[in-house]
Amino acid sequence: MFRHTWVNQMNKLAVTIPEAVQISGIGRTVLYSIFKSGGLKPRKSGKRTLVLVDELEAYLKSLPVGTSHD
């Protein structure tokens, strides 16, 4: 069911903050810190804050690759 939800979100152009948190794995507080630092630019539609899915994906892909610790 989670995969189905994630795929549906990826068909959207933009997602709400709770949706961005769910599909990215980034916490809400960290997401707002990323907005503040300019790593992502939130969009406003009335009172709703939206994140463009392609920008969220690009941000995640730009993060450094982790190393495994055996």
C-alpha atoms as a PDB file:
ATOM      1  CA  MET A   1       0.000   0.000   0.000  1.00  0.00           C
ATOM      2  CA  PHE A   2       2.853   2.424   0.758  1.00  0.00           C
ATOM      3  CA  ARG A   3       4.329   1.968  -2.711  1.00  0.00           C
ATOM      4  CA  HIS A   4       0.924   2.649  -4.266  1.00  0.00           C
ATOM      5  CA  THR A   5       0.656   5.898  -2.279  1.00  0.00           C
ATOM      6  CA  TRP A   6       4.194   6.926  -3.231  1.00  0.00           C
ATOM      7  CA  VAL A   7       3.586   6.273  -6.926  1.00  0.00           C
ATOM      8  CA  ASN A   8       0.390   8.349  -6.802  1.00  0.00           C
ATOM      9  CA  GLN A   9       2.311  11.242  -5.200  1.00  0.00           C
ATOM     10  CA  MET A  10       4.980  11.063  -7.888  1.00  0.00           C
ATOM     11  CA  ASN A  11       2.306  11.627 -10.566  1.00  0.00           C
ATOM     12  CA  LYS A  12       1.524  15.001  -8.987  1.00  0.00           C
ATOM     13  CA  LEU A  13       3.419  18.163  -9.898  1.00  0.00           C
ATOM     14  CA  ALA A  14       3.441  19.333  -6.290  1.00  0.00           C
ATOM     15  CA  VAL A  15       2.765  17.863  -2.858  1.00  0.00           C
ATOM     16  CA  THR A  16       1.826  19.283   0.533  1.00  0.00           C
ATOM     17  CA  ILE A  17       4.296  19.352   3.420  1.00  0.00           C
ATOM     18  CA  PRO A  18       2.925  16.137   5.006  1.00  0.00           C
ATOM     19  CA  GLU A  19       3.112  14.394   1.619  1.00  0.00           C
ATOM     20  CA  ALA A  20       6.677  15.639   1.048  1.00  0.00           C
ATOM     21  CA  VAL A  21       7.666  14.306   4.475  1.00  0.00           C
ATOM     22  CA  GLN A  22       6.063  10.932   3.716  1.00  0.00           C
ATOM     23  CA  ILE A  23       7.577  10.376   0.278  1.00  0.00           C
ATOM     24  CA  SER A  24      11.039  11.758   1.060  1.00  0.00           C
ATOM     25  CA  GLY A  25      11.673  10.414   4.532  1.00  0.00           C
ATOM     26  CA  ILE A  26      12.820  13.887   5.591  1.00  0.00           C
ATOM     27  CA  GLY A  27      11.288  15.122   8.834  1.00  0.00           C
ATOM     28  CA  ARG A  28       9.058  18.190   8.898  1.00  0.00           C
ATOM     29  CA  THR A  29      11.518  20.279  10.938  1.00  0.00           C
ATOM     30  CA  VAL A  30      14.417  19.350   8.651  1.00  0.00           C
ATOM     31  CA  LEU A  31      12.287  20.143   5.596  1.00  0.00           C
ATOM     32  CA  TYR A  32      11.612  23.647   6.929  1.00  0.00           C
ATOM     33  CA  SER A  33      15.352  24.049   7.611  1.00  0.00           C
ATOM     34  CA  ILE A  34      16.034  23.117   3.983  1.00  0.00           C
ATOM     35  CA  PHE A  35      13.546  25.803   2.903  1.00  0.00           C
ATOM     36  CA  LYS A  36      15.293  28.358   5.126  1.00  0.00           C
ATOM     37  CA  SER A  37      18.729  27.502   3.722  1.00  0.00           C
ATOM     38  CA  GLY A  38      17.450  27.761   0.142  1.00  0.00           C
ATOM     39  CA  GLY A  39      17.887  24.079  -0.687  1.00  0.00           C
ATOM     40  CA  LEU A  40      14.225  23.880  -1.681  1.00  0.00           C
ATOM     41  CA  LYS A  41      11.763  26.635  -2.491  1.00  0.00           C
ATOM     42  CA  PRO A  42       8.261  26.151  -1.091  1.00  0.00           C
ATOM     43  CA  ARG A  43       5.327  27.388  -3.158  1.00  0.00           C
ATOM     44  CA  LYS A  44       2.143  28.909  -1.734  1.00  0.00           C
ATOM     45  CA  SER A  45      -1.368  28.289  -3.005  1.00  0.00           C
ATOM     46  CA  GLY A  46      -3.628  30.243  -0.709  1.00  0.00           C
ATOM     47  CA  LYS A  47      -2.780  28.965   2.770  1.00  0.00           C
ATOM     48  CA  ARG A  48      -1.297  25.692   1.499  1.00  0.00           C
ATOM     49  CA  THR A  49       2.451  25.253   1.226  1.00  0.00           C
ATOM     50  CA  LEU A  50       3.488  23.028  -1.664  1.00  0.00           C
ATOM     51  CA  VAL A  51       6.752  21.453  -2.764  1.00  0.00           C
ATOM     52  CA  LEU A  52       7.373  20.695  -6.432  1.00  0.00           C
ATOM     53  CA  VAL A  53       7.983  16.957  -6.767  1.00  0.00           C
ATOM     54  CA  ASP A  54      10.736  17.344  -9.359  1.00  0.00           C
ATOM     55  CA  GLU A  55      12.602  19.814  -7.111  1.00  0.00           C
ATOM     56  CA  LEU A  56      12.246  17.480  -4.121  1.00  0.00           C
ATOM     57  CA  GLU A  57      13.580  14.586  -6.176  1.00  0.00           C
ATOM     58  CA  ALA A  58      16.482  16.691  -7.491  1.00  0.00           C
ATOM     59  CA  TYR A  59      17.348  17.771  -3.941  1.00  0.00           C
ATOM     60  CA  LEU A  60      17.383  14.173  -2.700  1.00  0.00           C
ATOM     61  CA  LYS A  61      19.520  13.044  -5.646  1.00  0.00           C
ATOM     62  CA  SER A  62      22.009  15.846  -4.903  1.00  0.00           C
ATOM     63  CA  LEU A  63      22.685  14.577  -1.385  1.00  0.00           C
ATOM     64  CA  PRO A  64      25.994  12.786  -0.845  1.00  0.00           C
ATOM     65  CA  VAL A  65      25.995   9.019  -1.119  1.00  0.00           C
ATOM     66  CA  GLY A  66      26.324   7.334   2.258  1.00  0.00           C
ATOM     67  CA  THR A  67      28.950   4.733   3.016  1.00  0.00           C
ATOM     68  CA  SER A  68      28.241   1.362   4.537  1.00  0.00           C
ATOM     69  CA  HIS A  69      29.711   0.555   7.910  1.00  0.00           C
ATOM     70  CA  ASP A  70      30.393  -3.145   8.257  1.00  0.00           C
END
